[in-house]
Amino acid sequence: MDIIYAARAFILQLIDGILLPDVNQNKVSRIYLPLLEDLEHAGRFSYGSAVLACLYRELCQATKPSTKTMGSCYLLLQSWALYRIPFLASVSHQPYV
């Protein structure tokens, strides 16, 4: 039973810390807890779609002049930018094969 609790805690940290972080990135939201009740069912969710939707929402919110910070999956945005706009990278990379 302790292994299941540890797995839920790790998955919750993964969801809220990397995939769908909030602006402050210091608190885990309670809205993800019901998703982890049944770990077999949790594997069937489309996390990629949720991350992309959250990123789009945060990008729309970031266009407001009063916005100072943005929460979301920066890794997705950074990897897209590196792949699509390579001259923005500070380090030159080998061409993709």
PDB file of N, CA and C in Angstrom:
ATOM      1  N   MET A   1       0.814  -1.192   0.000  1.00  0.00           N
ATOM      2  CA  MET A   1       0.000   0.000   0.000  1.00  0.00           C
ATOM      3  C   MET A   1       0.860   1.260   0.000  1.00  0.00           C
ATOM      4  N   ASP A   2       2.016   1.216   0.673  1.00  0.00           N
ATOM      5  CA  ASP A   2       2.910   2.374   0.688  1.00  0.00           C
ATOM      6  C   ASP A   2       3.443   2.674  -0.708  1.00  0.00           C
ATOM      7  N   ILE A   3       3.622   1.638  -1.518  1.00  0.00           N
ATOM      8  CA  ILE A   3       4.106   1.841  -2.882  1.00  0.00           C
ATOM      9  C   ILE A   3       3.070   2.604  -3.708  1.00  0.00           C
ATOM     10  N   ILE A   4       1.806   2.294  -3.509  1.00  0.00           N
ATOM     11  CA  ILE A   4       0.746   2.984  -4.245  1.00  0.00           C
ATOM     12  C   ILE A   4       0.693   4.449  -3.827  1.00  0.00           C
ATOM     13  N   TYR A   5       0.830   4.744  -2.531  1.00  0.00           N
ATOM     14  CA  TYR A   5       0.844   6.132  -2.067  1.00  0.00           C
ATOM     15  C   TYR A   5       2.034   6.882  -2.647  1.00  0.00           C
ATOM     16  N   ALA A   6       3.186   6.225  -2.678  1.00  0.00           N
ATOM     17  CA  ALA A   6       4.381   6.862  -3.235  1.00  0.00           C
ATOM     18  C   ALA A   6       4.220   7.099  -4.736  1.00  0.00           C
ATOM     19  N   ALA A   7       3.607   6.149  -5.442  1.00  0.00           N
ATOM     20  CA  ALA A   7       3.380   6.317  -6.878  1.00  0.00           C
ATOM     21  C   ALA A   7       2.419   7.467  -7.149  1.00  0.00           C
ATOM     22  N   ARG A   8       1.361   7.561  -6.347  1.00  0.00           N
ATOM     23  CA  ARG A   8       0.410   8.678  -6.502  1.00  0.00           C
ATOM     24  C   ARG A   8       1.088  10.014  -6.231  1.00  0.00           C
ATOM     25  N   ALA A   9       1.904  10.078  -5.211  1.00  0.00           N
ATOM     26  CA  ALA A   9       2.611  11.318  -4.891  1.00  0.00           C
ATOM     27  C   ALA A   9       3.572  11.701  -6.015  1.00  0.00           C
ATOM     28  N   PHE A  10       4.265  10.727  -6.570  1.00  0.00           N
ATOM     29  CA  PHE A  10       5.194  10.993  -7.665  1.00  0.00           C
ATOM     30  C   PHE A  10       4.451  11.473  -8.910  1.00  0.00           C
ATOM     31  N   ILE A  11       3.352  10.824  -9.246  1.00  0.00           N
ATOM     32  CA  ILE A  11       2.570  11.219 -10.416  1.00  0.00           C
ATOM     33  C   ILE A  11       1.967  12.607 -10.209  1.00  0.00           C
ATOM     34  N   LEU A  12       1.505  12.889  -9.008  1.00  0.00           N
ATOM     35  CA  LEU A  12       0.957  14.207  -8.711  1.00  0.00           C
ATOM     36  C   LEU A  12       2.032  15.277  -8.849  1.00  0.00           C
ATOM     37  N   GLN A  13       3.233  14.998  -8.380  1.00  0.00           N
ATOM     38  CA  GLN A  13       4.349  15.929  -8.528  1.00  0.00           C
ATOM     39  C   GLN A  13       4.698  16.110 -10.002  1.00  0.00           C
ATOM     40  N   LEU A  14       4.641  15.051 -10.777  1.00  0.00           N
ATOM     41  CA  LEU A  14       4.927  15.122 -12.205  1.00  0.00           C
ATOM     42  C   LEU A  14       3.887  15.970 -12.934  1.00  0.00           C
ATOM     43  N   ILE A  15       2.617  15.755 -12.611  1.00  0.00           N
ATOM     44  CA  ILE A  15       1.545  16.518 -13.262  1.00  0.00           C
ATOM     45  C   ILE A  15       1.637  17.992 -12.893  1.00  0.00           C
ATOM     46  N   ASP A  16       1.717  18.289 -11.622  1.00  0.00           N
ATOM     47  CA  ASP A  16       1.656  19.678 -11.198  1.00  0.00           C
ATOM     48  C   ASP A  16       3.010  20.377 -11.221  1.00  0.00           C
ATOM     49  N   GLY A  17       4.079  19.643 -11.225  1.00  0.00           N
ATOM     50  CA  GLY A  17       5.394  20.274 -11.227  1.00  0.00           C
ATOM     51  C   GLY A  17       5.981  20.476 -12.605  1.00  0.00           C
ATOM     52  N   ILE A  18       5.661  19.590 -13.542  1.00  0.00           N
ATOM     53  CA  ILE A  18       6.267  19.666 -14.872  1.00  0.00           C
ATOM     54  C   ILE A  18       5.226  19.888 -15.960  1.00  0.00           C
ATOM     55  N   LEU A  19       4.174  19.091 -15.958  1.00  0.00           N
ATOM     56  CA  LEU A  19       3.213  19.167 -17.059  1.00  0.00           C
ATOM     57  C   LEU A  19       2.274  20.357 -16.958  1.00  0.00           C
ATOM     58  N   LEU A  20       1.679  20.589 -15.802  1.00  0.00           N
ATOM     59  CA  LEU A  20       0.680  21.649 -15.640  1.00  0.00           C
ATOM     60  C   LEU A  20       0.976  22.504 -14.412  1.00  0.00           C
ATOM     61  N   PRO A  21       2.126  23.158 -14.357  1.00  0.00           N
ATOM     62  CA  PRO A  21       2.432  23.950 -13.164  1.00  0.00           C
ATOM     63  C   PRO A  21       1.601  25.226 -13.108  1.00  0.00           C
ATOM     64  N   ASP A  22       1.410  25.735 -11.885  1.00  0.00           N
ATOM     65  CA  ASP A  22       0.721  27.011 -11.741  1.00  0.00           C
ATOM     66  C   ASP A  22       1.748  28.135 -11.863  1.00  0.00           C
ATOM     67  N   VAL A  23       1.283  29.360 -11.739  1.00  0.00           N
ATOM     68  CA  VAL A  23       2.164  30.508 -11.922  1.00  0.00           C
ATOM     69  C   VAL A  23       3.253  30.543 -10.858  1.00  0.00           C
ATOM     70  N   ASN A  24       2.894  30.270  -9.611  1.00  0.00           N
ATOM     71  CA  ASN A  24       3.864  30.333  -8.523  1.00  0.00           C
ATOM     72  C   ASN A  24       4.763  29.108  -8.459  1.00  0.00           C
ATOM     73  N   GLN A  25       4.295  27.991  -8.959  1.00  0.00           N
ATOM     74  CA  GLN A  25       5.026  26.721  -8.969  1.00  0.00           C
ATOM     75  C   GLN A  25       5.480  26.293  -7.578  1.00  0.00           C
ATOM     76  N   ASN A  26       4.661  26.584  -6.561  1.00  0.00           N
ATOM     77  CA  ASN A  26       5.045  26.177  -5.220  1.00  0.00           C
ATOM     78  C   ASN A  26       3.953  25.406  -4.493  1.00  0.00           C
ATOM     79  N   LYS A  27       2.793  25.237  -5.126  1.00  0.00           N
ATOM     80  CA  LYS A  27       1.698  24.518  -4.489  1.00  0.00           C
ATOM     81  C   LYS A  27       1.130  23.497  -5.459  1.00  0.00           C
ATOM     82  N   VAL A  28       0.732  22.369  -4.924  1.00  0.00           N
ATOM     83  CA  VAL A  28       0.097  21.330  -5.723  1.00  0.00           C
ATOM     84  C   VAL A  28      -1.411  21.525  -5.628  1.00  0.00           C
ATOM     85  N   SER A  29      -2.061  21.596  -6.753  1.00  0.00           N
ATOM     86  CA  SER A  29      -3.501  21.831  -6.767  1.00  0.00           C
ATOM     87  C   SER A  29      -4.261  20.571  -6.397  1.00  0.00           C
ATOM     88  N   ARG A  30      -5.373  20.749  -5.687  1.00  0.00           N
ATOM     89  CA  ARG A  30      -6.190  19.612  -5.279  1.00  0.00           C
ATOM     90  C   ARG A  30      -7.042  19.068  -6.417  1.00  0.00           C
ATOM     91  N   ILE A  31      -7.150  19.783  -7.513  1.00  0.00           N
ATOM     92  CA  ILE A  31      -8.038  19.333  -8.586  1.00  0.00           C
ATOM     93  C   ILE A  31      -7.530  18.067  -9.263  1.00  0.00           C
ATOM     94  N   TYR A  32      -6.261  17.746  -9.085  1.00  0.00           N
ATOM     95  CA  TYR A  32      -5.699  16.551  -9.723  1.00  0.00           C
ATOM     96  C   TYR A  32      -5.843  15.298  -8.865  1.00  0.00           C
ATOM     97  N   LEU A  33      -6.199  15.445  -7.606  1.00  0.00           N
ATOM     98  CA  LEU A  33      -6.314  14.285  -6.718  1.00  0.00           C
ATOM     99  C   LEU A  33      -7.345  13.258  -7.175  1.00  0.00           C
ATOM    100  N   PRO A  34      -8.556  13.658  -7.619  1.00  0.00           N
ATOM    101  CA  PRO A  34      -9.510  12.633  -8.074  1.00  0.00           C
ATOM    102  C   PRO A  34      -9.023  11.849  -9.301  1.00  0.00           C
ATOM    103  N   LEU A  35      -8.136  12.427 -10.066  1.00  0.00           N
ATOM    104  CA  LEU A  35      -7.616  11.716 -11.240  1.00  0.00           C
ATOM    105  C   LEU A  35      -6.763  10.525 -10.859  1.00  0.00           C
ATOM    106  N   LEU A  36      -6.221  10.548  -9.649  1.00  0.00           N
ATOM    107  CA  LEU A  36      -5.287   9.496  -9.230  1.00  0.00           C
ATOM    108  C   LEU A  36      -5.907   8.481  -8.284  1.00  0.00           C
ATOM    109  N   GLU A  37      -7.216   8.480  -8.147  1.00  0.00           N
ATOM    110  CA  GLU A  37      -7.855   7.492  -7.278  1.00  0.00           C
ATOM    111  C   GLU A  37      -7.621   6.078  -7.794  1.00  0.00           C
ATOM    112  N   ASP A  38      -7.833   5.881  -9.078  1.00  0.00           N
ATOM    113  CA  ASP A  38      -7.617   4.576  -9.701  1.00  0.00           C
ATOM    114  C   ASP A  38      -6.456   4.722 -10.682  1.00  0.00           C
ATOM    115  N   LEU A  39      -5.299   4.159 -10.332  1.00  0.00           N
ATOM    116  CA  LEU A  39      -4.111   4.328 -11.161  1.00  0.00           C
ATOM    117  C   LEU A  39      -4.240   3.654 -12.525  1.00  0.00           C
ATOM    118  N   GLU A  40      -5.010   2.589 -12.624  1.00  0.00           N
ATOM    119  CA  GLU A  40      -5.203   1.942 -13.919  1.00  0.00           C
ATOM    120  C   GLU A  40      -6.003   2.836 -14.856  1.00  0.00           C
ATOM    121  N   HIS A  41      -6.978   3.539 -14.312  1.00  0.00           N
ATOM    122  CA  HIS A  41      -7.790   4.449 -15.116  1.00  0.00           C
ATOM    123  C   HIS A  41      -7.019   5.732 -15.452  1.00  0.00           C
ATOM    124  N   ALA A  42      -6.099   6.152 -14.588  1.00  0.00           N
ATOM    125  CA  ALA A  42      -5.330   7.380 -14.801  1.00  0.00           C
ATOM    126  C   ALA A  42      -4.430   7.281 -16.027  1.00  0.00           C
ATOM    127  N   GLY A  43      -4.045   6.104 -16.407  1.00  0.00           N
ATOM    128  CA  GLY A  43      -3.204   5.931 -17.582  1.00  0.00           C
ATOM    129  C   GLY A  43      -3.927   6.113 -18.897  1.00  0.00           C
ATOM    130  N   ARG A  44      -5.227   6.224 -18.863  1.00  0.00           N
ATOM    131  CA  ARG A  44      -6.012   6.371 -20.095  1.00  0.00           C
ATOM    132  C   ARG A  44      -6.301   7.820 -20.446  1.00  0.00           C
ATOM    133  N   PHE A  45      -5.920   8.749 -19.599  1.00  0.00           N
ATOM    134  CA  PHE A  45      -6.187  10.155 -19.869  1.00  0.00           C
ATOM    135  C   PHE A  45      -5.230  10.699 -20.921  1.00  0.00           C
ATOM    136  N   SER A  46      -5.667  11.703 -21.642  1.00  0.00           N
ATOM    137  CA  SER A  46      -4.842  12.345 -22.654  1.00  0.00           C
ATOM    138  C   SER A  46      -4.121  13.538 -22.026  1.00  0.00           C
ATOM    139  N   TYR A  47      -2.983  13.278 -21.433  1.00  0.00           N
ATOM    140  CA  TYR A  47      -2.237  14.329 -20.763  1.00  0.00           C
ATOM    141  C   TYR A  47      -1.642  15.312 -21.760  1.00  0.00           C
ATOM    142  N   GLY A  48      -1.267  14.855 -22.929  1.00  0.00           N
ATOM    143  CA  GLY A  48      -0.707  15.742 -23.955  1.00  0.00           C
ATOM    144  C   GLY A  48      -1.692  16.810 -24.385  1.00  0.00           C
ATOM    145  N   SER A  49      -2.945  16.423 -24.584  1.00  0.00           N
ATOM    146  CA  SER A  49      -3.973  17.393 -24.958  1.00  0.00           C
ATOM    147  C   SER A  49      -4.206  18.405 -23.847  1.00  0.00           C
ATOM    148  N   ALA A  50      -4.177  17.946 -22.613  1.00  0.00           N
ATOM    149  CA  ALA A  50      -4.376  18.854 -21.482  1.00  0.00           C
ATOM    150  C   ALA A  50      -3.222  19.841 -21.363  1.00  0.00           C
ATOM    151  N   VAL A  51      -2.005  19.372 -21.563  1.00  0.00           N
ATOM    152  CA  VAL A  51      -0.839  20.250 -21.497  1.00  0.00           C
ATOM    153  C   VAL A  51      -0.886  21.285 -22.614  1.00  0.00           C
ATOM    154  N   LEU A  52      -1.235  20.875 -23.810  1.00  0.00           N
ATOM    155  CA  LEU A  52      -1.313  21.798 -24.937  1.00  0.00           C
ATOM    156  C   LEU A  52      -2.425  22.826 -24.735  1.00  0.00           C
ATOM    157  N   ALA A  53      -3.570  22.402 -24.246  1.00  0.00           N
ATOM    158  CA  ALA A  53      -4.671  23.333 -23.979  1.00  0.00           C
ATOM    159  C   ALA A  53      -4.287  24.332 -22.893  1.00  0.00           C
ATOM    160  N   CYS A  54      -3.612  23.868 -21.863  1.00  0.00           N
ATOM    161  CA  CYS A  54      -3.173  24.755 -20.786  1.00  0.00           C
ATOM    162  C   CYS A  54      -2.142  25.757 -21.308  1.00  0.00           C
ATOM    163  N   LEU A  55      -1.248  25.303 -22.166  1.00  0.00           N
ATOM    164  CA  LEU A  55      -0.244  26.195 -22.745  1.00  0.00           C
ATOM    165  C   LEU A  55      -0.903  27.264 -23.604  1.00  0.00           C
ATOM    166  N   TYR A  56      -1.856  26.893 -24.433  1.00  0.00           N
ATOM    167  CA  TYR A  56      -2.572  27.869 -25.259  1.00  0.00           C
ATOM    168  C   TYR A  56      -3.309  28.893 -24.402  1.00  0.00           C
ATOM    169  N   ARG A  57      -3.958  28.431 -23.336  1.00  0.00           N
ATOM    170  CA  ARG A  57      -4.670  29.347 -22.447  1.00  0.00           C
ATOM    171  C   ARG A  57      -3.712  30.331 -21.786  1.00  0.00           C
ATOM    172  N   GLU A  58      -2.574  29.831 -21.333  1.00  0.00           N
ATOM    173  CA  GLU A  58      -1.598  30.702 -20.681  1.00  0.00           C
ATOM    174  C   GLU A  58      -0.976  31.679 -21.671  1.00  0.00           C
ATOM    175  N   LEU A  59      -0.756  31.253 -22.914  1.00  0.00           N
ATOM    176  CA  LEU A  59      -0.233  32.170 -23.921  1.00  0.00           C
ATOM    177  C   LEU A  59      -1.239  33.278 -24.227  1.00  0.00           C
ATOM    178  N   CYS A  60      -2.516  32.949 -24.256  1.00  0.00           N
ATOM    179  CA  CYS A  60      -3.549  33.970 -24.462  1.00  0.00           C
ATOM    180  C   CYS A  60      -3.589  34.943 -23.287  1.00  0.00           C
ATOM    181  N   GLN A  61      -3.464  34.421 -22.068  1.00  0.00           N
ATOM    182  CA  GLN A  61      -3.459  35.285 -20.889  1.00  0.00           C
ATOM    183  C   GLN A  61      -2.217  36.173 -20.862  1.00  0.00           C
ATOM    184  N   ALA A  62      -1.106  35.686 -21.397  1.00  0.00           N
ATOM    185  CA  ALA A  62       0.151  36.435 -21.371  1.00  0.00           C
ATOM    186  C   ALA A  62       0.138  37.628 -22.317  1.00  0.00           C
ATOM    187  N   THR A  63      -0.813  37.697 -23.237  1.00  0.00           N
ATOM    188  CA  THR A  63      -0.879  38.839 -24.151  1.00  0.00           C
ATOM    189  C   THR A  63      -1.478  40.069 -23.499  1.00  0.00           C
ATOM    190  N   LYS A  64      -2.067  39.934 -22.333  1.00  0.00           N
ATOM    191  CA  LYS A  64      -2.622  41.093 -21.630  1.00  0.00           C
ATOM    192  C   LYS A  64      -1.484  41.943 -21.081  1.00  0.00           C
ATOM    193  N   PRO A  65      -1.573  43.251 -21.216  1.00  0.00           N
ATOM    194  CA  PRO A  65      -0.473  44.122 -20.755  1.00  0.00           C
ATOM    195  C   PRO A  65      -0.194  44.036 -19.253  1.00  0.00           C
ATOM    196  N   SER A  66      -1.181  43.687 -18.456  1.00  0.00           N
ATOM    197  CA  SER A  66      -0.980  43.631 -17.005  1.00  0.00           C
ATOM    198  C   SER A  66      -0.328  42.325 -16.535  1.00  0.00           C
ATOM    199  N   THR A  67      -0.173  41.364 -17.415  1.00  0.00           N
ATOM    200  CA  THR A  67       0.386  40.063 -17.042  1.00  0.00           C
ATOM    201  C   THR A  67       1.896  40.161 -16.872  1.00  0.00           C
ATOM    202  N   LYS A  68       2.384  39.661 -15.741  1.00  0.00           N
ATOM    203  CA  LYS A  68       3.816  39.688 -15.469  1.00  0.00           C
ATOM    204  C   LYS A  68       4.445  38.301 -15.491  1.00  0.00           C
ATOM    205  N   THR A  69       3.674  37.276 -15.213  1.00  0.00           N
ATOM    206  CA  THR A  69       4.195  35.911 -15.206  1.00  0.00           C
ATOM    207  C   THR A  69       3.269  35.005 -16.004  1.00  0.00           C
ATOM    208  N   MET A  70       3.793  33.848 -16.328  1.00  0.00           N
ATOM    209  CA  MET A  70       3.006  32.883 -17.082  1.00  0.00           C
ATOM    210  C   MET A  70       3.264  31.503 -16.503  1.00  0.00           C
ATOM    211  N   GLY A  71       2.212  30.771 -16.257  1.00  0.00           N
ATOM    212  CA  GLY A  71       2.348  29.412 -15.785  1.00  0.00           C
ATOM    213  C   GLY A  71       1.990  28.458 -16.911  1.00  0.00           C
ATOM    214  N   SER A  72       2.614  27.355 -16.986  1.00  0.00           N
ATOM    215  CA  SER A  72       2.324  26.309 -17.949  1.00  0.00           C
ATOM    216  C   SER A  72       3.585  25.498 -18.192  1.00  0.00           C
ATOM    217  N   CYS A  73       3.523  24.638 -19.150  1.00  0.00           N
ATOM    218  CA  CYS A  73       4.658  23.772 -19.464  1.00  0.00           C
ATOM    219  C   CYS A  73       5.623  24.497 -20.396  1.00  0.00           C
ATOM    220  N   TYR A  74       6.629  25.124 -19.807  1.00  0.00           N
ATOM    221  CA  TYR A  74       7.615  25.838 -20.606  1.00  0.00           C
ATOM    222  C   TYR A  74       8.449  24.894 -21.456  1.00  0.00           C
ATOM    223  N   LEU A  75       8.634  23.678 -21.012  1.00  0.00           N
ATOM    224  CA  LEU A  75       9.439  22.725 -21.772  1.00  0.00           C
ATOM    225  C   LEU A  75       8.852  22.476 -23.155  1.00  0.00           C
ATOM    226  N   LEU A  76       7.546  22.400 -23.239  1.00  0.00           N
ATOM    227  CA  LEU A  76       6.890  22.194 -24.521  1.00  0.00           C
ATOM    228  C   LEU A  76       7.124  23.389 -25.437  1.00  0.00           C
ATOM    229  N   LEU A  77       6.961  24.586 -24.920  1.00  0.00           N
ATOM    230  CA  LEU A  77       7.165  25.791 -25.708  1.00  0.00           C
ATOM    231  C   LEU A  77       8.625  25.946 -26.117  1.00  0.00           C
ATOM    232  N   GLN A  78       9.542  25.664 -25.218  1.00  0.00           N
ATOM    233  CA  GLN A  78      10.957  25.784 -25.529  1.00  0.00           C
ATOM    234  C   GLN A  78      11.408  24.752 -26.554  1.00  0.00           C
ATOM    235  N   SER A  79      10.924  23.531 -26.438  1.00  0.00           N
ATOM    236  CA  SER A  79      11.327  22.511 -27.421  1.00  0.00           C
ATOM    237  C   SER A  79      10.744  22.817 -28.793  1.00  0.00           C
ATOM    238  N   TRP A  80       9.520  23.348 -28.829  1.00  0.00           N
ATOM    239  CA  TRP A  80       8.933  23.743 -30.107  1.00  0.00           C
ATOM    240  C   TRP A  80       9.746  24.872 -30.733  1.00  0.00           C
ATOM    241  N   ALA A  81      10.100  25.875 -29.925  1.00  0.00           N
ATOM    242  CA  ALA A  81      10.866  27.007 -30.437  1.00  0.00           C
ATOM    243  C   ALA A  81      12.244  26.573 -30.923  1.00  0.00           C
ATOM    244  N   LEU A  82      12.884  25.678 -30.208  1.00  0.00           N
ATOM    245  CA  LEU A  82      14.210  25.204 -30.618  1.00  0.00           C
ATOM    246  C   LEU A  82      14.140  24.438 -31.933  1.00  0.00           C
ATOM    247  N   TYR A  83      13.090  23.678 -32.112  1.00  0.00           N
ATOM    248  CA  TYR A  83      12.940  22.895 -33.335  1.00  0.00           C
ATOM    249  C   TYR A  83      12.531  23.768 -34.521  1.00  0.00           C
ATOM    250  N   ARG A  84      11.585  24.689 -34.294  1.00  0.00           N
ATOM    251  CA  ARG A  84      11.037  25.493 -35.377  1.00  0.00           C
ATOM    252  C   ARG A  84      11.812  26.769 -35.659  1.00  0.00           C
ATOM    253  N   ILE A  85      12.441  27.347 -34.633  1.00  0.00           N
ATOM    254  CA  ILE A  85      13.165  28.604 -34.788  1.00  0.00           C
ATOM    255  C   ILE A  85      14.573  28.413 -34.218  1.00  0.00           C
ATOM    256  N   PRO A  86      15.417  27.663 -34.890  1.00  0.00           N
ATOM    257  CA  PRO A  86      16.714  27.304 -34.305  1.00  0.00           C
ATOM    258  C   PRO A  86      17.660  28.489 -34.124  1.00  0.00           C
ATOM    259  N   PHE A  87      17.482  29.576 -34.866  1.00  0.00           N
ATOM    260  CA  PHE A  87      18.394  30.704 -34.712  1.00  0.00           C
ATOM    261  C   PHE A  87      18.189  31.445 -33.391  1.00  0.00           C
ATOM    262  N   LEU A  88      17.098  31.158 -32.664  1.00  0.00           N
ATOM    263  CA  LEU A  88      16.883  31.752 -31.354  1.00  0.00           C
ATOM    264  C   LEU A  88      17.737  31.094 -30.268  1.00  0.00           C
ATOM    265  N   ALA A  89      18.204  29.903 -30.537  1.00  0.00           N
ATOM    266  CA  ALA A  89      19.002  29.182 -29.543  1.00  0.00           C
ATOM    267  C   ALA A  89      20.375  29.833 -29.418  1.00  0.00           C
ATOM    268  N   SER A  90      20.888  29.884 -28.206  1.00  0.00           N
ATOM    269  CA  SER A  90      22.181  30.500 -27.980  1.00  0.00           C
ATOM    270  C   SER A  90      23.344  29.590 -28.391  1.00  0.00           C
ATOM    271  N   VAL A  91      23.052  28.310 -28.538  1.00  0.00           N
ATOM    272  CA  VAL A  91      24.089  27.341 -28.908  1.00  0.00           C
ATOM    273  C   VAL A  91      23.692  26.722 -30.236  1.00  0.00           C
ATOM    274  N   SER A  92      24.665  26.628 -31.135  1.00  0.00           N
ATOM    275  CA  SER A  92      24.328  25.991 -32.407  1.00  0.00           C
ATOM    276  C   SER A  92      24.325  24.473 -32.229  1.00  0.00           C
ATOM    277  N   HIS A  93      23.365  23.833 -32.843  1.00  0.00           N
ATOM    278  CA  HIS A  93      23.208  22.387 -32.734  1.00  0.00           C
ATOM    279  C   HIS A  93      23.502  21.755 -34.071  1.00  0.00           C
ATOM    280  N   GLN A  94      23.770  20.478 -34.017  1.00  0.00           N
ATOM    281  CA  GLN A  94      23.937  19.719 -35.244  1.00  0.00           C
ATOM    282  C   GLN A  94      22.610  19.662 -35.968  1.00  0.00           C
ATOM    283  N   PRO A  95      22.602  19.643 -37.286  1.00  0.00           N
ATOM    284  CA  PRO A  95      21.333  19.547 -37.993  1.00  0.00           C
ATOM    285  C   PRO A  95      20.638  18.232 -37.671  1.00  0.00           C
ATOM    286  N   TYR A  96      19.322  18.291 -37.628  1.00  0.00           N
ATOM    287  CA  TYR A  96      18.533  17.100 -37.347  1.00  0.00           C
ATOM    288  C   TYR A  96      18.582  16.151 -38.531  1.00  0.00           C
ATOM    289  N   VAL A  97      18.715  14.885 -38.208  1.00  0.00           N
ATOM    290  CA  VAL A  97      18.775  13.879 -39.264  1.00  0.00           C
ATOM    291  C   VAL A  97      17.454  13.162 -39.333  1.00  0.00           C
TER     292      VAL A  97
END
